[in-house]
């Protein structure tokens, strides 16, 4: 199973990617409504922020209605066959001094399931283009005179898992394209409740809050018949500075994405370079 949102922050820039992996419990789908993790914490955690005025968590620390909302979101996302998603995000980096600094960025994905992906990533640290045509993943930078290509497995899900394991290539925010397609985990959820209504980018949304052992996260789900995640936040309580990740998402279903959108054509000044292989060749047992 691909850990959801492990790739939201590049590994070399984040001292604790495990914090982002916890969002798996939010975006991948959960157990059927009403199912809670065995051993869930029975009481409210210490130092928890108070909910907005007039909003109180339910008596049950894991609200079945909140889990049902995640189920519905995951099912909707799994049904999207071709789409574009744009994210504006910010993540905290904890320096060796213990001080927290914030990095801002954007990512745009074009996706055609099961085997096409194009991504343009730009943040305060780097800019990259990723293209996947069902056979090969290409990585290039608009500011650099080289590019790299690696053989890739024949589906998006397997490609993302394979290049991460074998080459340590983790596309920023790549789990956005895999939302709703993983097996639905429910382990680890110790708190879940509806915060209330909100508006994200002019779209009405339902706001939910969740908790695991040392992570707090929230998701804003579009109201109505298209329950897509419009905003996500994650706080790592395991670190004293409690670094935060936030992403605002805009989704568009597309039926007009041409094959050429996933094909790489190098510039005259670009030359190929090799990428170190860390594990077994893709497709090997």
Protein backbone atom coordinates (compact mmCIF):
# COMPACT_ATOMS: atom_id res chain seq x y z
CA UNK A 1 0.00 0.00 0.00
CA UNK A 2 1.34 3.44 -0.91
CA UNK A 3 1.53 5.60 2.23
CA UNK A 4 -0.81 8.47 1.42
CA UNK A 5 0.86 11.84 1.25
CA UNK A 6 4.35 10.58 2.05
CA UNK A 7 5.33 12.37 -1.16
CA UNK A 8 3.77 15.68 -0.26
CA UNK A 9 7.20 16.78 0.97
CA UNK A 10 10.43 15.74 -0.77
CA UNK A 11 12.32 13.30 1.44
CA UNK A 12 15.58 15.22 1.45
CA UNK A 13 13.88 18.36 2.71
CA UNK A 14 11.79 16.89 5.50
CA UNK A 15 13.24 15.46 8.71
CA UNK A 16 10.07 13.53 9.46
CA UNK A 17 8.13 12.27 6.44
CA UNK A 18 6.35 9.82 8.71
CA UNK A 19 4.28 12.77 9.83
CA UNK A 20 2.80 13.17 6.38
CA UNK A 21 2.30 9.46 5.92
CA UNK A 22 -0.33 9.59 8.64
CA UNK A 23 -2.72 11.36 6.28
CA UNK A 24 -3.17 7.93 4.72
CA UNK A 25 -5.89 7.40 7.28
CA UNK A 26 -7.78 10.38 5.90
CA UNK A 27 -7.53 10.20 2.16
CA UNK A 28 -7.30 6.50 1.35
CA UNK A 29 -10.71 5.67 2.75
CA UNK A 30 -11.66 4.08 6.04
CA UNK A 31 -13.60 1.17 7.43
CA UNK A 32 -17.39 1.06 6.98
CA UNK A 33 -19.28 3.70 8.88
CA UNK A 34 -19.19 3.05 12.60
CA UNK A 35 -16.04 0.94 12.58
CA UNK A 36 -13.42 2.26 14.99
CA UNK A 37 -9.88 1.08 15.59
CA UNK A 38 -9.48 -1.37 18.48
CA UNK A 39 -7.84 0.35 21.40
CA UNK A 40 -8.93 3.82 20.34
CA UNK A 41 -8.20 6.47 22.93
CA UNK A 42 -11.29 6.83 25.11
CA UNK A 43 -10.83 10.47 26.13
CA UNK A 44 -10.02 13.84 24.68
CA UNK A 45 -6.22 14.35 24.32
CA UNK A 46 -4.47 16.97 26.44
CA UNK A 47 -3.75 20.43 25.06
CA UNK A 48 -6.22 19.97 22.21
CA UNK A 49 -7.38 23.15 20.54
CA UNK A 50 -10.94 24.11 21.33
CA UNK A 51 -13.39 23.69 18.43
CA UNK A 52 -15.07 26.76 16.94
CA UNK A 53 -17.77 28.41 19.01
CA UNK A 54 -20.95 26.38 19.07
CA UNK A 55 -19.19 23.20 17.88
CA UNK A 56 -18.40 20.33 20.22
CA UNK A 57 -16.99 16.87 19.50
CA UNK A 58 -19.50 14.03 19.88
CA UNK A 59 -19.48 11.84 22.97
CA UNK A 60 -18.05 8.98 20.90
CA UNK A 61 -14.35 9.90 20.22
CA UNK A 62 -14.67 8.34 16.74
CA UNK A 63 -17.85 9.69 15.17
CA UNK A 64 -19.33 7.17 12.69
CA UNK A 65 -20.65 10.04 10.57
CA UNK A 66 -17.12 11.39 10.10
CA UNK A 67 -15.89 7.97 8.98
CA UNK A 68 -18.83 7.67 6.60
CA UNK A 69 -17.90 11.03 5.07
CA UNK A 70 -14.39 9.73 4.37
CA UNK A 71 -15.80 6.54 2.84
CA UNK A 72 -17.96 8.62 0.53
CA UNK A 73 -15.05 10.86 -0.47
CA UNK A 74 -12.79 7.88 -1.19
CA UNK A 75 -15.45 6.17 -3.32
CA UNK A 76 -15.97 9.33 -5.35
CA UNK A 77 -12.26 9.83 -5.99
CA UNK A 78 -11.80 6.20 -6.99
CA UNK A 79 -14.40 6.75 -9.72
CA UNK A 80 -12.53 9.60 -11.42
CA UNK A 81 -10.94 8.27 -14.60
CA UNK A 82 -9.33 11.42 -16.06
CA UNK A 83 -8.81 14.64 -14.17
CA UNK A 84 -6.66 17.64 -13.38
CA UNK A 85 -5.81 18.63 -9.83
CA UNK A 86 -3.94 21.73 -8.75
CA UNK A 87 -2.62 22.18 -5.24
CA UNK A 88 -1.17 25.16 -3.44
CA UNK A 89 0.71 23.89 -0.42
CA UNK A 90 2.98 24.91 2.41
CA UNK A 91 5.01 22.72 4.73
CA UNK A 92 7.19 23.38 7.74
CA UNK A 93 10.79 22.27 8.02
CA UNK A 94 12.30 21.95 11.47
CA UNK A 95 15.88 23.20 11.35
CA UNK A 96 18.63 21.65 13.44
CA UNK A 97 18.32 24.60 15.77
CA UNK A 98 14.71 23.61 16.43
CA UNK A 99 13.32 26.64 14.63
CA UNK A 100 10.51 26.06 12.13
CA UNK A 101 10.59 27.57 8.64
CA UNK A 102 7.89 27.32 5.97
CA UNK A 103 8.25 26.33 2.32
CA UNK A 104 5.50 27.24 -0.17
CA UNK A 105 4.77 25.49 -3.46
CA UNK A 106 2.37 24.48 -6.17
CA UNK A 107 1.77 21.28 -8.10
CA UNK A 108 -0.41 20.55 -11.13
CA UNK A 109 -1.32 17.02 -12.16
CA UNK A 110 -2.93 15.69 -15.31
CA UNK A 111 -4.05 12.10 -14.79
CA UNK A 112 -5.61 9.43 -16.98
CA UNK A 113 -6.12 6.21 -15.10
CA UNK A 114 -4.78 3.63 -15.08
CA UNK A 115 -1.43 4.54 -16.66
CA UNK A 116 -0.85 8.21 -17.57
CA UNK A 117 0.46 11.10 -15.47
CA UNK A 118 1.99 14.53 -16.04
CA UNK A 119 3.07 16.71 -13.12
CA UNK A 120 4.56 20.18 -12.84
CA UNK A 121 6.00 21.00 -9.42
CA UNK A 122 7.41 24.32 -8.24
CA UNK A 123 8.28 25.42 -4.72
CA UNK A 124 10.82 27.54 -2.88
CA UNK A 125 13.41 24.75 -3.15
CA UNK A 126 13.11 23.26 -6.64
CA UNK A 127 11.08 22.92 -9.85
CA UNK A 128 10.47 19.62 -11.63
CA UNK A 129 8.43 18.05 -14.41
CA UNK A 130 7.37 14.40 -14.22
CA UNK A 131 5.90 12.47 -17.16
CA UNK A 132 4.65 8.88 -17.12
CA UNK A 133 3.38 7.20 -20.31
CA UNK A 134 2.63 3.73 -18.97
CA UNK A 135 6.17 2.45 -19.59
CA UNK A 136 8.66 5.12 -18.58
CA UNK A 137 8.89 7.85 -15.93
CA UNK A 138 10.77 10.96 -17.05
CA UNK A 139 12.08 13.60 -14.64
CA UNK A 140 13.27 16.98 -15.92
CA UNK A 141 13.88 20.50 -14.67
CA UNK A 142 13.23 23.68 -16.67
CA UNK A 143 16.45 25.18 -15.26
CA UNK A 144 18.76 22.23 -15.85
CA UNK A 145 20.32 20.86 -19.09
CA UNK A 146 19.64 17.22 -18.33
CA UNK A 147 16.83 14.76 -17.66
CA UNK A 148 16.45 11.21 -16.38
CA UNK A 149 14.25 8.29 -17.36
CA UNK A 150 13.55 5.01 -15.59
CA UNK A 151 11.45 2.01 -16.64
CA UNK A 152 8.13 2.01 -14.80
CA UNK A 153 5.40 -0.46 -14.00
CA UNK A 154 2.21 -0.39 -16.07
CA UNK A 155 -0.20 1.29 -13.62
CA UNK A 156 -0.03 4.56 -11.69
CA UNK A 157 -0.25 2.89 -8.32
CA UNK A 158 2.48 0.36 -9.05
CA UNK A 159 4.66 2.96 -10.76
CA UNK A 160 4.58 5.27 -7.74
CA UNK A 161 5.41 2.42 -5.38
CA UNK A 162 8.13 1.04 -7.64
CA UNK A 163 10.12 4.21 -8.28
CA UNK A 164 9.93 5.14 -4.60
CA UNK A 165 11.30 1.76 -3.47
CA UNK A 166 13.89 1.29 -6.21
CA UNK A 167 15.10 4.82 -6.91
CA UNK A 168 13.92 6.92 -3.94
CA UNK A 169 11.85 9.00 -6.37
CA UNK A 170 8.85 10.43 -4.58
CA UNK A 171 6.70 12.81 -6.58
CA UNK A 172 5.49 15.73 -4.44
CA UNK A 173 1.77 15.39 -3.72
CA UNK A 174 1.64 12.24 -5.87
CA UNK A 175 -0.81 10.60 -3.50
CA UNK A 176 -3.41 13.03 -4.79
CA UNK A 177 -3.67 10.87 -7.91
CA UNK A 178 -4.07 7.69 -5.85
CA UNK A 179 -6.77 8.86 -3.47
CA UNK A 180 -9.55 6.37 -3.03
CA UNK A 181 -7.80 3.53 -4.82
CA UNK A 182 -5.96 1.96 -1.89
CA UNK A 183 -7.35 -0.61 0.51
CA UNK A 184 -9.27 1.28 3.18
CA UNK A 185 -7.25 1.35 6.43
CA UNK A 186 -8.94 2.16 9.73
CA UNK A 187 -6.17 1.33 12.21
CA UNK A 188 -4.85 4.29 14.14
CA UNK A 189 -7.85 6.60 14.15
CA UNK A 190 -8.40 7.64 17.75
CA UNK A 191 -10.55 10.69 17.17
CA UNK A 192 -12.95 11.87 14.47
CA UNK A 193 -15.67 14.50 14.46
CA UNK A 194 -17.40 17.03 12.24
CA UNK A 195 -16.23 20.59 12.91
CA UNK A 196 -18.89 22.32 10.84
CA UNK A 197 -19.44 23.99 7.49
CA UNK A 198 -16.93 26.16 5.64
CA UNK A 199 -16.16 27.70 2.27
CA UNK A 200 -12.95 26.85 0.40
CA UNK A 201 -12.23 28.73 -2.80
CA UNK A 202 -15.85 29.75 -3.05
CA UNK A 203 -17.07 26.14 -2.69
CA UNK A 204 -19.24 25.01 0.23
CA UNK A 205 -17.53 22.31 2.27
CA UNK A 206 -17.91 20.08 5.31
CA UNK A 207 -15.00 20.35 7.73
CA UNK A 208 -13.84 17.24 9.65
CA UNK A 209 -11.08 16.76 12.22
CA UNK A 210 -9.20 13.53 12.96
CA UNK A 211 -6.54 12.30 15.33
CA UNK A 212 -4.11 9.40 15.53
CA UNK A 213 -1.49 8.59 18.16
CA UNK A 214 0.71 11.63 17.44
CA UNK A 215 -0.88 13.31 14.41
CA UNK A 216 -3.76 15.73 14.05
CA UNK A 217 -5.30 16.31 10.65
CA UNK A 218 -8.28 17.96 9.06
CA UNK A 219 -10.03 17.65 5.73
CA UNK A 220 -12.53 19.96 4.06
CA UNK A 221 -14.81 17.92 1.76
CA UNK A 222 -16.93 19.57 -0.92
CA UNK A 223 -20.63 19.48 -0.07
CA UNK A 224 -23.12 17.93 -2.46
CA UNK A 225 -22.68 15.22 -5.08
CA UNK A 226 -18.94 15.70 -5.68
CA UNK A 227 -17.32 15.04 -2.28
CA UNK A 228 -13.73 15.88 -3.19
CA UNK A 229 -11.12 17.07 -0.69
CA UNK A 230 -10.72 20.83 -1.06
CA UNK A 231 -8.22 21.38 1.72
CA UNK A 232 -6.01 19.25 3.96
CA UNK A 233 -3.93 20.07 7.01
CA UNK A 234 -1.65 17.88 9.10
CA UNK A 235 0.18 18.61 12.36
CA UNK A 236 2.93 16.36 13.69
CA UNK A 237 2.47 16.33 17.48
CA UNK A 238 5.52 14.08 17.89
CA UNK A 239 7.83 17.04 17.30
CA UNK A 240 8.02 19.83 19.89
CA UNK A 241 7.55 22.52 17.21
CA UNK A 242 4.48 20.72 15.81
CA UNK A 243 5.27 21.31 12.12
CA UNK A 244 2.25 21.76 9.88
CA UNK A 245 1.44 20.80 6.29
CA UNK A 246 -1.44 22.52 4.46
CA UNK A 247 -2.74 22.05 0.91
CA UNK A 248 -5.63 23.67 -0.93
CA UNK A 249 -6.89 21.62 -3.89
CA UNK A 250 -8.82 22.37 -7.07
CA UNK A 251 -10.20 19.40 -9.05
CA UNK A 252 -11.41 19.31 -12.67
CA UNK A 253 -12.70 16.25 -14.49
CA UNK A 254 -11.18 16.07 -17.97
CA UNK A 255 -12.10 14.07 -21.05
CA UNK A 256 -9.82 15.95 -23.43
CA UNK A 257 -6.30 15.12 -22.22
CA UNK A 258 -4.30 14.07 -25.32
CA UNK A 259 -1.63 11.37 -25.37
CA UNK A 260 0.96 14.03 -26.17
CA UNK A 261 0.50 15.52 -22.69
CA UNK A 262 2.35 12.51 -21.27
CA UNK A 263 5.19 12.38 -23.83
CA UNK A 264 8.59 13.91 -23.11
CA UNK A 265 10.53 15.71 -25.84
CA UNK A 266 13.94 16.93 -24.62
CA UNK A 267 15.21 20.38 -25.49
CA UNK A 268 18.29 20.53 -27.72
CA UNK A 269 20.44 21.40 -24.69
CA UNK A 270 19.19 18.55 -22.52
CA UNK A 271 21.10 15.28 -22.21
CA UNK A 272 20.06 12.10 -20.35
CA UNK A 273 21.61 11.07 -17.06
CA UNK A 274 21.29 7.86 -15.06
CA UNK A 275 19.52 7.46 -11.73
CA UNK A 276 20.96 5.19 -9.07
CA UNK A 277 18.90 2.06 -8.53
CA UNK A 278 18.49 1.23 -4.85
CA UNK A 279 16.49 -1.99 -5.06
CA UNK A 280 15.34 -4.66 -7.48
CA UNK A 281 14.47 -3.87 -11.06
CA UNK A 282 10.82 -3.08 -11.59
CA UNK A 283 8.83 -6.15 -12.41
CA UNK A 284 11.25 -8.52 -10.63
CA UNK A 285 10.11 -10.77 -7.81
